[in-house]
PDB file of all heavy atoms in Angstrom:
ATOM      1  N   GLN A   1      -1.647  -0.501  -7.155  1.00  0.00           N
ATOM      2  CA  GLN A   1      -2.388   0.083  -6.025  1.00  0.00           C
ATOM      3  C   GLN A   1      -2.464  -0.838  -4.868  1.00  0.00           C
ATOM      4  O   GLN A   1      -2.553  -2.092  -5.008  1.00  0.00           O
ATOM      5  CB  GLN A   1      -3.778   0.482  -6.473  1.00  0.00           C
ATOM      6  CG  GLN A   1      -3.828   1.510  -7.573  1.00  0.00           C
ATOM      7  CD  GLN A   1      -3.170   2.840  -7.154  1.00  0.00           C
ATOM      8  OE1 GLN A   1      -3.418   3.348  -6.085  1.00  0.00           O
ATOM      9  NE2 GLN A   1      -2.298   3.328  -8.025  1.00  0.00           N
ATOM     10  N   PRO A   2      -2.519  -0.330  -3.623  1.00  0.00           N
ATOM     11  CA  PRO A   2      -2.678  -1.192  -2.478  1.00  0.00           C
ATOM     12  C   PRO A   2      -4.130  -1.707  -2.413  1.00  0.00           C
ATOM     13  O   PRO A   2      -5.004  -1.182  -3.094  1.00  0.00           O
ATOM     14  CB  PRO A   2      -2.431  -0.247  -1.315  1.00  0.00           C
ATOM     15  CG  PRO A   2      -2.889   1.094  -1.781  1.00  0.00           C
ATOM     16  CD  PRO A   2      -2.530   1.122  -3.273  1.00  0.00           C
ATOM     17  N   GLU A   3      -4.327  -2.755  -1.655  1.00  0.00           N
ATOM     18  CA  GLU A   3      -5.659  -3.213  -1.389  1.00  0.00           C
ATOM     19  C   GLU A   3      -6.274  -2.411  -0.252  1.00  0.00           C
ATOM     20  O   GLU A   3      -5.743  -2.479   0.878  1.00  0.00           O
ATOM     21  CB  GLU A   3      -5.613  -4.711  -1.034  1.00  0.00           C
ATOM     22  CG  GLU A   3      -6.935  -5.307  -0.638  1.00  0.00           C
ATOM     23  CD  GLU A   3      -6.743  -6.747  -0.141  1.00  0.00           C
ATOM     24  OE1 GLU A   3      -5.688  -7.364  -0.261  1.00  0.00           O
ATOM     25  OE2 GLU A   3      -7.763  -7.226   0.472  1.00  0.00           O
ATOM     26  N   GLU A   4      -7.311  -1.696  -0.529  1.00  0.00           N
ATOM     27  CA  GLU A   4      -7.935  -0.829   0.558  1.00  0.00           C
ATOM     28  C   GLU A   4      -8.782  -1.763   1.483  1.00  0.00           C
ATOM     29  O   GLU A   4      -9.674  -2.409   1.012  1.00  0.00           O
ATOM     30  CB  GLU A   4      -8.831   0.189  -0.122  1.00  0.00           C
ATOM     31  CG  GLU A   4      -9.359   1.191   0.868  1.00  0.00           C
ATOM     32  CD  GLU A   4     -10.186   2.268   0.115  1.00  0.00           C
ATOM     33  OE1 GLU A   4      -9.580   3.005  -0.706  1.00  0.00           O
ATOM     34  OE2 GLU A   4     -11.403   2.309   0.397  1.00  0.00           O
ATOM     35  N   LEU A   5      -8.482  -1.672   2.731  1.00  0.00           N
ATOM     36  CA  LEU A   5      -9.199  -2.486   3.740  1.00  0.00           C
ATOM     37  C   LEU A   5     -10.307  -1.694   4.411  1.00  0.00           C
ATOM     38  O   LEU A   5     -11.363  -2.200   4.724  1.00  0.00           O
ATOM     39  CB  LEU A   5      -8.223  -3.037   4.787  1.00  0.00           C
ATOM     40  CG  LEU A   5      -7.091  -3.908   4.233  1.00  0.00           C
ATOM     41  CD1 LEU A   5      -6.118  -4.291   5.340  1.00  0.00           C
ATOM     42  CD2 LEU A   5      -7.646  -5.085   3.543  1.00  0.00           C
ATOM     43  N   SER A   6     -10.028  -0.427   4.685  1.00  0.00           N
ATOM     44  CA  SER A   6     -11.053   0.474   5.257  1.00  0.00           C
ATOM     45  C   SER A   6     -10.677   1.892   4.941  1.00  0.00           C
ATOM     46  O   SER A   6      -9.514   2.220   4.776  1.00  0.00           O
ATOM     47  CB  SER A   6     -11.225   0.217   6.763  1.00  0.00           C
ATOM     48  OG  SER A   6     -10.130   0.665   7.475  1.00  0.00           O
ATOM     49  N   LEU A   7     -11.684   2.800   4.975  1.00  0.00           N
ATOM     50  CA  LEU A   7     -11.498   4.171   4.771  1.00  0.00           C
ATOM     51  C   LEU A   7     -12.489   4.931   5.606  1.00  0.00           C
ATOM     52  O   LEU A   7     -13.689   4.643   5.586  1.00  0.00           O
ATOM     53  CB  LEU A   7     -11.698   4.488   3.277  1.00  0.00           C
ATOM     54  CG  LEU A   7     -11.424   5.967   2.899  1.00  0.00           C
ATOM     55  CD1 LEU A   7     -10.796   5.968   1.473  1.00  0.00           C
ATOM     56  CD2 LEU A   7     -12.662   6.783   2.917  1.00  0.00           C
ATOM     57  N   ARG A   8     -11.990   5.873   6.413  1.00  0.00           N
ATOM     58  CA  ARG A   8     -12.896   6.641   7.301  1.00  0.00           C
ATOM     59  C   ARG A   8     -12.573   8.141   7.120  1.00  0.00           C
ATOM     60  O   ARG A   8     -11.462   8.588   7.323  1.00  0.00           O
ATOM     61  CB  ARG A   8     -12.695   6.257   8.750  1.00  0.00           C
ATOM     62  CG  ARG A   8     -13.572   6.953   9.723  1.00  0.00           C
ATOM     63  CD  ARG A   8     -13.472   6.412  11.140  1.00  0.00           C
ATOM     64  NE  ARG A   8     -12.057   6.282  11.600  1.00  0.00           N
ATOM     65  CZ  ARG A   8     -11.404   7.210  12.303  1.00  0.00           C
ATOM     66  NH1 ARG A   8     -11.952   8.283  12.707  1.00  0.00           N
ATOM     67  NH2 ARG A   8     -10.148   6.936  12.674  1.00  0.00           N
ATOM     68  N   LYS A   9     -13.601   8.850   6.671  1.00  0.00           N
ATOM     69  CA  LYS A   9     -13.456  10.318   6.470  1.00  0.00           C
ATOM     70  C   LYS A   9     -13.712  10.972   7.862  1.00  0.00           C
ATOM     71  O   LYS A   9     -14.560  10.490   8.612  1.00  0.00           O
ATOM     72  CB  LYS A   9     -14.425  10.846   5.435  1.00  0.00           C
ATOM     73  CG  LYS A   9     -14.037  10.504   4.060  1.00  0.00           C
ATOM     74  CD  LYS A   9     -15.010  11.099   3.075  1.00  0.00           C
ATOM     75  CE  LYS A   9     -14.515  12.405   2.628  1.00  0.00           C
ATOM     76  NZ  LYS A   9     -15.303  12.986   1.464  1.00  0.00           N
ATOM     77  N   ARG A  10     -13.081  12.019   8.127  1.00  0.00           N
ATOM     78  CA  ARG A  10     -13.300  12.854   9.301  1.00  0.00           C
ATOM     79  C   ARG A  10     -13.139  14.319   8.892  1.00  0.00           C
ATOM     80  O   ARG A  10     -12.579  14.578   7.833  1.00  0.00           O
ATOM     81  CB  ARG A  10     -12.387  12.420  10.410  1.00  0.00           C
ATOM     82  CG  ARG A  10     -10.938  12.418  10.119  1.00  0.00           C
ATOM     83  CD  ARG A  10     -10.146  11.937  11.343  1.00  0.00           C
ATOM     84  NE  ARG A  10      -8.749  12.255  11.154  1.00  0.00           N
ATOM     85  CZ  ARG A  10      -7.853  11.418  10.665  1.00  0.00           C
ATOM     86  NH1 ARG A  10      -8.203  10.200  10.403  1.00  0.00           N
ATOM     87  NH2 ARG A  10      -6.607  11.780  10.404  1.00  0.00           N
ATOM     88  N   PRO A  11     -13.547  15.227   9.713  1.00  0.00           N
ATOM     89  CA  PRO A  11     -13.333  16.639   9.371  1.00  0.00           C
ATOM     90  C   PRO A  11     -11.896  16.918   9.055  1.00  0.00           C
ATOM     91  O   PRO A  11     -11.009  16.612   9.873  1.00  0.00           O
ATOM     92  CB  PRO A  11     -13.844  17.402  10.603  1.00  0.00           C
ATOM     93  CG  PRO A  11     -14.737  16.455  11.308  1.00  0.00           C
ATOM     94  CD  PRO A  11     -14.211  15.098  11.032  1.00  0.00           C
ATOM     95  N   PHE A  12     -11.604  17.398   7.874  1.00  0.00           N
ATOM     96  CA  PHE A  12     -10.252  17.765   7.495  1.00  0.00           C
ATOM     97  C   PHE A  12      -9.287  16.622   7.465  1.00  0.00           C
ATOM     98  O   PHE A  12      -8.079  16.819   7.683  1.00  0.00           O
ATOM     99  CB  PHE A  12      -9.705  18.962   8.315  1.00  0.00           C
ATOM    100  CG  PHE A  12     -10.536  20.170   8.225  1.00  0.00           C
ATOM    101  CD1 PHE A  12     -11.360  20.524   9.329  1.00  0.00           C
ATOM    102  CD2 PHE A  12     -10.579  20.937   7.111  1.00  0.00           C
ATOM    103  CE1 PHE A  12     -12.091  21.659   9.230  1.00  0.00           C
ATOM    104  CE2 PHE A  12     -11.336  22.051   7.044  1.00  0.00           C
ATOM    105  CZ  PHE A  12     -12.171  22.429   8.119  1.00  0.00           C
ATOM    106  N   GLY A  13      -9.761  15.403   7.221  1.00  0.00           N
ATOM    107  CA  GLY A  13      -8.823  14.317   7.168  1.00  0.00           C
ATOM    108  C   GLY A  13      -9.432  13.011   6.772  1.00  0.00           C
ATOM    109  O   GLY A  13     -10.565  12.910   6.381  1.00  0.00           O
ATOM    110  N   LEU A  14      -8.565  12.016   6.814  1.00  0.00           N
ATOM    111  CA  LEU A  14      -8.864  10.684   6.326  1.00  0.00           C
ATOM    112  C   LEU A  14      -7.989   9.642   7.029  1.00  0.00           C
ATOM    113  O   LEU A  14      -6.826   9.942   7.254  1.00  0.00           O
ATOM    114  CB  LEU A  14      -8.592  10.691   4.828  1.00  0.00           C
ATOM    115  CG  LEU A  14      -9.120   9.602   3.890  1.00  0.00           C
ATOM    116  CD1 LEU A  14     -10.634   9.638   3.855  1.00  0.00           C
ATOM    117  CD2 LEU A  14      -8.557   9.817   2.488  1.00  0.00           C
ATOM    118  N   ALA A  15      -8.591   8.544   7.389  1.00  0.00           N
ATOM    119  CA  ALA A  15      -7.842   7.378   7.903  1.00  0.00           C
ATOM    120  C   ALA A  15      -8.076   6.206   7.023  1.00  0.00           C
ATOM    121  O   ALA A  15      -9.220   5.848   6.801  1.00  0.00           O
ATOM    122  CB  ALA A  15      -8.279   7.141   9.331  1.00  0.00           C
ATOM    123  N   VAL A  16      -7.022   5.634   6.463  1.00  0.00           N
ATOM    124  CA  VAL A  16      -7.122   4.546   5.526  1.00  0.00           C
ATOM    125  C   VAL A  16      -6.260   3.392   6.011  1.00  0.00           C
ATOM    126  O   VAL A  16      -5.158   3.633   6.456  1.00  0.00           O
ATOM    127  CB  VAL A  16      -6.638   4.975   4.099  1.00  0.00           C
ATOM    128  CG1 VAL A  16      -6.939   3.871   3.144  1.00  0.00           C
ATOM    129  CG2 VAL A  16      -7.338   6.254   3.693  1.00  0.00           C
ATOM    130  N   LYS A  17      -6.806   2.205   5.887  1.00  0.00           N
ATOM    131  CA  LYS A  17      -6.047   0.991   6.176  1.00  0.00           C
ATOM    132  C   LYS A  17      -5.851   0.241   4.859  1.00  0.00           C
ATOM    133  O   LYS A  17      -6.863   0.052   4.121  1.00  0.00           O
ATOM    134  CB  LYS A  17      -6.689   0.084   7.206  1.00  0.00           C
ATOM    135  CG  LYS A  17      -6.804   0.685   8.584  1.00  0.00           C
ATOM    136  CD  LYS A  17      -7.425  -0.330   9.545  1.00  0.00           C
ATOM    137  CE  LYS A  17      -7.533   0.295  10.934  1.00  0.00           C
ATOM    138  NZ  LYS A  17      -6.279   0.530  11.599  1.00  0.00           N
ATOM    139  N   VAL A  18      -4.637  -0.077   4.516  1.00  0.00           N
ATOM    140  CA  VAL A  18      -4.350  -0.783   3.246  1.00  0.00           C
ATOM    141  C   VAL A  18      -3.422  -1.994   3.487  1.00  0.00           C
ATOM    142  O   VAL A  18      -2.685  -2.021   4.427  1.00  0.00           O
ATOM    143  CB  VAL A  18      -3.706   0.175   2.193  1.00  0.00           C
ATOM    144  CG1 VAL A  18      -4.599   1.307   1.856  1.00  0.00           C
ATOM    145  CG2 VAL A  18      -2.357   0.651   2.604  1.00  0.00           C
ATOM    146  N   HIS A  19      -3.569  -2.938   2.552  1.00  0.00           N
ATOM    147  CA  HIS A  19      -2.681  -4.045   2.480  1.00  0.00           C
ATOM    148  C   HIS A  19      -1.780  -3.868   1.275  1.00  0.00           C
ATOM    149  O   HIS A  19      -2.258  -3.472   0.208  1.00  0.00           O
ATOM    150  CB  HIS A  19      -3.417  -5.373   2.379  1.00  0.00           C
ATOM    151  CG  HIS A  19      -2.630  -6.569   2.071  1.00  0.00           C
ATOM    152  ND1 HIS A  19      -2.612  -7.247   0.904  1.00  0.00           N
ATOM    153  CD2 HIS A  19      -1.661  -7.157   2.853  1.00  0.00           C
ATOM    154  CE1 HIS A  19      -1.801  -8.262   0.923  1.00  0.00           C
ATOM    155  NE2 HIS A  19      -1.178  -8.222   2.085  1.00  0.00           N
ATOM    156  N   VAL A  20      -0.516  -4.084   1.431  1.00  0.00           N
ATOM    157  CA  VAL A  20       0.421  -3.901   0.349  1.00  0.00           C
ATOM    158  C   VAL A  20       0.794  -5.298  -0.218  1.00  0.00           C
ATOM    159  O   VAL A  20       1.645  -5.997   0.334  1.00  0.00           O
ATOM    160  CB  VAL A  20       1.743  -3.195   0.912  1.00  0.00           C
ATOM    161  CG1 VAL A  20       2.696  -2.934  -0.255  1.00  0.00           C
ATOM    162  CG2 VAL A  20       1.330  -1.895   1.584  1.00  0.00           C
ATOM    163  N   PRO A  21       0.117  -5.658  -1.292  1.00  0.00           N
ATOM    164  CA  PRO A  21       0.306  -7.046  -1.814  1.00  0.00           C
ATOM    165  C   PRO A  21       1.711  -7.214  -2.479  1.00  0.00           C
ATOM    166  O   PRO A  21       2.256  -6.253  -3.016  1.00  0.00           O
ATOM    167  CB  PRO A  21      -0.786  -7.195  -2.868  1.00  0.00           C
ATOM    168  CG  PRO A  21      -1.125  -5.797  -3.257  1.00  0.00           C
ATOM    169  CD  PRO A  21      -0.877  -4.924  -2.094  1.00  0.00           C
ATOM    170  N   ALA A  22       2.202  -8.403  -2.389  1.00  0.00           N
ATOM    171  CA  ALA A  22       3.488  -8.710  -2.970  1.00  0.00           C
ATOM    172  C   ALA A  22       3.474  -8.624  -4.500  1.00  0.00           C
ATOM    173  O   ALA A  22       4.482  -8.490  -5.142  1.00  0.00           O
ATOM    174  CB  ALA A  22       3.951 -10.109  -2.556  1.00  0.00           C
ATOM    175  N   SER A  23       2.249  -8.594  -5.064  1.00  0.00           N
ATOM    176  CA  SER A  23       2.101  -8.533  -6.505  1.00  0.00           C
ATOM    177  C   SER A  23       2.271  -7.118  -7.097  1.00  0.00           C
ATOM    178  O   SER A  23       2.173  -6.947  -8.302  1.00  0.00           O
ATOM    179  CB  SER A  23       0.724  -9.073  -6.927  1.00  0.00           C
ATOM    180  OG  SER A  23      -0.297  -8.287  -6.367  1.00  0.00           O
ATOM    181  N   LEU A  24       2.552  -6.124  -6.239  1.00  0.00           N
ATOM    182  CA  LEU A  24       2.723  -4.759  -6.737  1.00  0.00           C
ATOM    183  C   LEU A  24       3.919  -4.691  -7.691  1.00  0.00           C
ATOM    184  O   LEU A  24       5.009  -5.179  -7.360  1.00  0.00           O
ATOM    185  CB  LEU A  24       3.036  -3.815  -5.561  1.00  0.00           C
ATOM    186  CG  LEU A  24       1.784  -3.344  -4.778  1.00  0.00           C
ATOM    187  CD1 LEU A  24       2.238  -2.463  -3.639  1.00  0.00           C
ATOM    188  CD2 LEU A  24       0.768  -2.629  -5.626  1.00  0.00           C
ATOM    189  N   GLY A  25       3.682  -4.087  -8.810  1.00  0.00           N
ATOM    190  CA  GLY A  25       4.803  -3.918  -9.767  1.00  0.00           C
ATOM    191  C   GLY A  25       5.946  -3.088  -9.256  1.00  0.00           C
ATOM    192  O   GLY A  25       7.067  -3.232  -9.721  1.00  0.00           O
ATOM    193  N   TRP A  26       5.682  -2.275  -8.237  1.00  0.00           N
ATOM    194  CA  TRP A  26       6.729  -1.409  -7.642  1.00  0.00           C
ATOM    195  C   TRP A  26       7.870  -2.220  -6.988  1.00  0.00           C
ATOM    196  O   TRP A  26       8.918  -1.711  -6.831  1.00  0.00           O
ATOM    197  CB  TRP A  26       6.173  -0.457  -6.644  1.00  0.00           C
ATOM    198  CG  TRP A  26       5.006   0.371  -7.186  1.00  0.00           C
ATOM    199  CD1 TRP A  26       3.718   0.369  -6.740  1.00  0.00           C
ATOM    200  CD2 TRP A  26       5.056   1.304  -8.246  1.00  0.00           C
ATOM    201  NE1 TRP A  26       2.941   1.232  -7.511  1.00  0.00           N
ATOM    202  CE2 TRP A  26       3.751   1.811  -8.410  1.00  0.00           C
ATOM    203  CE3 TRP A  26       6.078   1.742  -9.102  1.00  0.00           C
ATOM    204  CZ2 TRP A  26       3.419   2.742  -9.404  1.00  0.00           C
ATOM    205  CZ3 TRP A  26       5.775   2.672 -10.073  1.00  0.00           C
ATOM    206  CH2 TRP A  26       4.433   3.180 -10.218  1.00  0.00           C
ATOM    207  N   PHE A  27       7.517  -3.458  -6.583  1.00  0.00           N
ATOM    208  CA  PHE A  27       8.538  -4.304  -5.953  1.00  0.00           C
ATOM    209  C   PHE A  27       9.484  -4.912  -6.966  1.00  0.00           C
ATOM    210  O   PHE A  27      10.597  -5.286  -6.576  1.00  0.00           O
ATOM    211  CB  PHE A  27       7.900  -5.405  -5.085  1.00  0.00           C
ATOM    212  CG  PHE A  27       7.213  -4.899  -3.900  1.00  0.00           C
ATOM    213  CD1 PHE A  27       5.850  -5.221  -3.673  1.00  0.00           C
ATOM    214  CD2 PHE A  27       7.838  -4.137  -2.892  1.00  0.00           C
ATOM    215  CE1 PHE A  27       5.183  -4.761  -2.518  1.00  0.00           C
ATOM    216  CE2 PHE A  27       7.244  -3.659  -1.785  1.00  0.00           C
ATOM    217  CZ  PHE A  27       5.879  -3.974  -1.572  1.00  0.00           C
ATOM    218  N   HIS A  28       9.074  -5.034  -8.191  1.00  0.00           N
ATOM    219  CA  HIS A  28       9.854  -5.651  -9.231  1.00  0.00           C
ATOM    220  C   HIS A  28      11.139  -4.858  -9.423  1.00  0.00           C
ATOM    221  O   HIS A  28      11.165  -3.749  -9.883  1.00  0.00           O
ATOM    222  CB  HIS A  28       9.062  -5.801 -10.513  1.00  0.00           C
ATOM    223  CG  HIS A  28       9.830  -6.462 -11.597  1.00  0.00           C
ATOM    224  ND1 HIS A  28      10.021  -7.839 -11.629  1.00  0.00           N
ATOM    225  CD2 HIS A  28      10.379  -5.990 -12.787  1.00  0.00           C
ATOM    226  CE1 HIS A  28      10.663  -8.197 -12.655  1.00  0.00           C
ATOM    227  NE2 HIS A  28      10.911  -7.108 -13.373  1.00  0.00           N
ATOM    228  N   GLY A  29      12.291  -5.462  -9.017  1.00  0.00           N
ATOM    229  CA  GLY A  29      13.588  -4.862  -9.203  1.00  0.00           C
ATOM    230  C   GLY A  29      13.952  -3.849  -8.135  1.00  0.00           C
ATOM    231  O   GLY A  29      14.977  -3.194  -8.188  1.00  0.00           O
ATOM    232  N   HIS A  30      13.136  -3.623  -7.103  1.00  0.00           N
ATOM    233  CA  HIS A  30      13.388  -2.648  -6.044  1.00  0.00           C
ATOM    234  C   HIS A  30      13.320  -3.331  -4.682  1.00  0.00           C
ATOM    235  O   HIS A  30      12.357  -3.084  -3.925  1.00  0.00           O
ATOM    236  CB  HIS A  30      12.374  -1.511  -6.134  1.00  0.00           C
ATOM    237  CG  HIS A  30      12.785  -0.325  -5.414  1.00  0.00           C
ATOM    238  ND1 HIS A  30      12.346  -0.012  -4.131  1.00  0.00           N
ATOM    239  CD2 HIS A  30      13.606   0.703  -5.705  1.00  0.00           C
ATOM    240  CE1 HIS A  30      12.864   1.143  -3.760  1.00  0.00           C
ATOM    241  NE2 HIS A  30      13.617   1.589  -4.685  1.00  0.00           N
ATOM    242  N   PHE A  31      14.138  -4.036  -4.228  1.00  0.00           N
ATOM    243  CA  PHE A  31      15.393  -4.613  -4.707  1.00  0.00           C
ATOM    244  C   PHE A  31      15.238  -6.081  -4.802  1.00  0.00           C
ATOM    245  O   PHE A  31      14.482  -6.648  -4.066  1.00  0.00           O
ATOM    246  CB  PHE A  31      16.507  -4.201  -3.759  1.00  0.00           C
ATOM    247  CG  PHE A  31      16.713  -2.689  -3.647  1.00  0.00           C
ATOM    248  CD1 PHE A  31      16.051  -1.954  -2.692  1.00  0.00           C
ATOM    249  CD2 PHE A  31      17.508  -2.066  -4.551  1.00  0.00           C
ATOM    250  CE1 PHE A  31      16.254  -0.590  -2.661  1.00  0.00           C
ATOM    251  CE2 PHE A  31      17.725  -0.705  -4.497  1.00  0.00           C
ATOM    252  CZ  PHE A  31      17.053   0.033  -3.553  1.00  0.00           C
ATOM    253  N   PRO A  32      15.898  -6.745  -5.757  1.00  0.00           N
ATOM    254  CA  PRO A  32      15.637  -8.153  -6.033  1.00  0.00           C
ATOM    255  C   PRO A  32      15.630  -9.074  -4.821  1.00  0.00           C
ATOM    256  O   PRO A  32      14.728  -9.920  -4.678  1.00  0.00           O
ATOM    257  CB  PRO A  32      16.745  -8.519  -7.031  1.00  0.00           C
ATOM    258  CG  PRO A  32      17.081  -7.269  -7.709  1.00  0.00           C
ATOM    259  CD  PRO A  32      16.913  -6.166  -6.602  1.00  0.00           C
ATOM    260  N   ASP A  33      16.576  -8.990  -3.949  1.00  0.00           N
ATOM    261  CA  ASP A  33      16.652  -9.881  -2.807  1.00  0.00           C
ATOM    262  C   ASP A  33      15.917  -9.384  -1.579  1.00  0.00           C
ATOM    263  O   ASP A  33      15.646 -10.166  -0.681  1.00  0.00           O
ATOM    264  CB  ASP A  33      18.131 -10.163  -2.452  1.00  0.00           C
ATOM    265  CG  ASP A  33      18.858 -10.916  -3.563  1.00  0.00           C
ATOM    266  OD1 ASP A  33      18.165 -11.645  -4.295  1.00  0.00           O
ATOM    267  OD2 ASP A  33      20.036 -10.675  -3.738  1.00  0.00           O
ATOM    268  N   HIS A  34      15.667  -8.129  -1.478  1.00  0.00           N
ATOM    269  CA  HIS A  34      14.952  -7.541  -0.349  1.00  0.00           C
ATOM    270  C   HIS A  34      14.005  -6.431  -0.805  1.00  0.00           C
ATOM    271  O   HIS A  34      14.309  -5.219  -0.697  1.00  0.00           O
ATOM    272  CB  HIS A  34      16.006  -6.931   0.631  1.00  0.00           C
ATOM    273  CG  HIS A  34      16.992  -7.916   1.113  1.00  0.00           C
ATOM    274  ND1 HIS A  34      16.657  -8.838   2.035  1.00  0.00           N
ATOM    275  CD2 HIS A  34      18.243  -8.119   0.782  1.00  0.00           C
ATOM    276  CE1 HIS A  34      17.714  -9.606   2.307  1.00  0.00           C
ATOM    277  NE2 HIS A  34      18.703  -9.167   1.503  1.00  0.00           N
ATOM    278  N   PRO A  35      12.837  -6.801  -1.421  1.00  0.00           N
ATOM    279  CA  PRO A  35      11.945  -5.800  -1.959  1.00  0.00           C
ATOM    280  C   PRO A  35      11.383  -4.820  -0.921  1.00  0.00           C
ATOM    281  O   PRO A  35      11.058  -5.238   0.188  1.00  0.00           O
ATOM    282  CB  PRO A  35      10.820  -6.619  -2.583  1.00  0.00           C
ATOM    283  CG  PRO A  35      10.878  -7.960  -1.940  1.00  0.00           C
ATOM    284  CD  PRO A  35      12.298  -8.150  -1.497  1.00  0.00           C
ATOM    285  N   ILE A  36      11.416  -3.579  -1.298  1.00  0.00           N
ATOM    286  CA  ILE A  36      10.787  -2.510  -0.422  1.00  0.00           C
ATOM    287  C   ILE A  36       9.938  -1.624  -1.351  1.00  0.00           C
ATOM    288  O   ILE A  36      10.205  -1.448  -2.548  1.00  0.00           O
ATOM    289  CB  ILE A  36      11.845  -1.707   0.342  1.00  0.00           C
ATOM    290  CG1 ILE A  36      12.774  -0.890  -0.629  1.00  0.00           C
ATOM    291  CG2 ILE A  36      12.613  -2.600   1.281  1.00  0.00           C
ATOM    292  CD1 ILE A  36      13.675   0.052   0.119  1.00  0.00           C
ATOM    293  N   LEU A  37       8.927  -1.036  -0.759  1.00  0.00           N
ATOM    294  CA  LEU A  37       8.071  -0.078  -1.404  1.00  0.00           C
ATOM    295  C   LEU A  37       8.772   1.246  -1.573  1.00  0.00           C
ATOM    296  O   LEU A  37       9.161   1.856  -0.568  1.00  0.00           O
ATOM    297  CB  LEU A  37       6.744   0.081  -0.687  1.00  0.00           C
ATOM    298  CG  LEU A  37       5.679   0.934  -1.392  1.00  0.00           C
ATOM    299  CD1 LEU A  37       5.209   0.237  -2.665  1.00  0.00           C
ATOM    300  CD2 LEU A  37       4.558   1.193  -0.422  1.00  0.00           C
TER     301      LEU A  37
END
């Protein structure tokens, strides 16, 4: 999961700020030299 920095609810919506840590398992092997989410 990303690190949630802030979350703001609004009528019929949501605004979220997140940090995508390098420790995410999703980066493992996707791709070894140039990891992408």
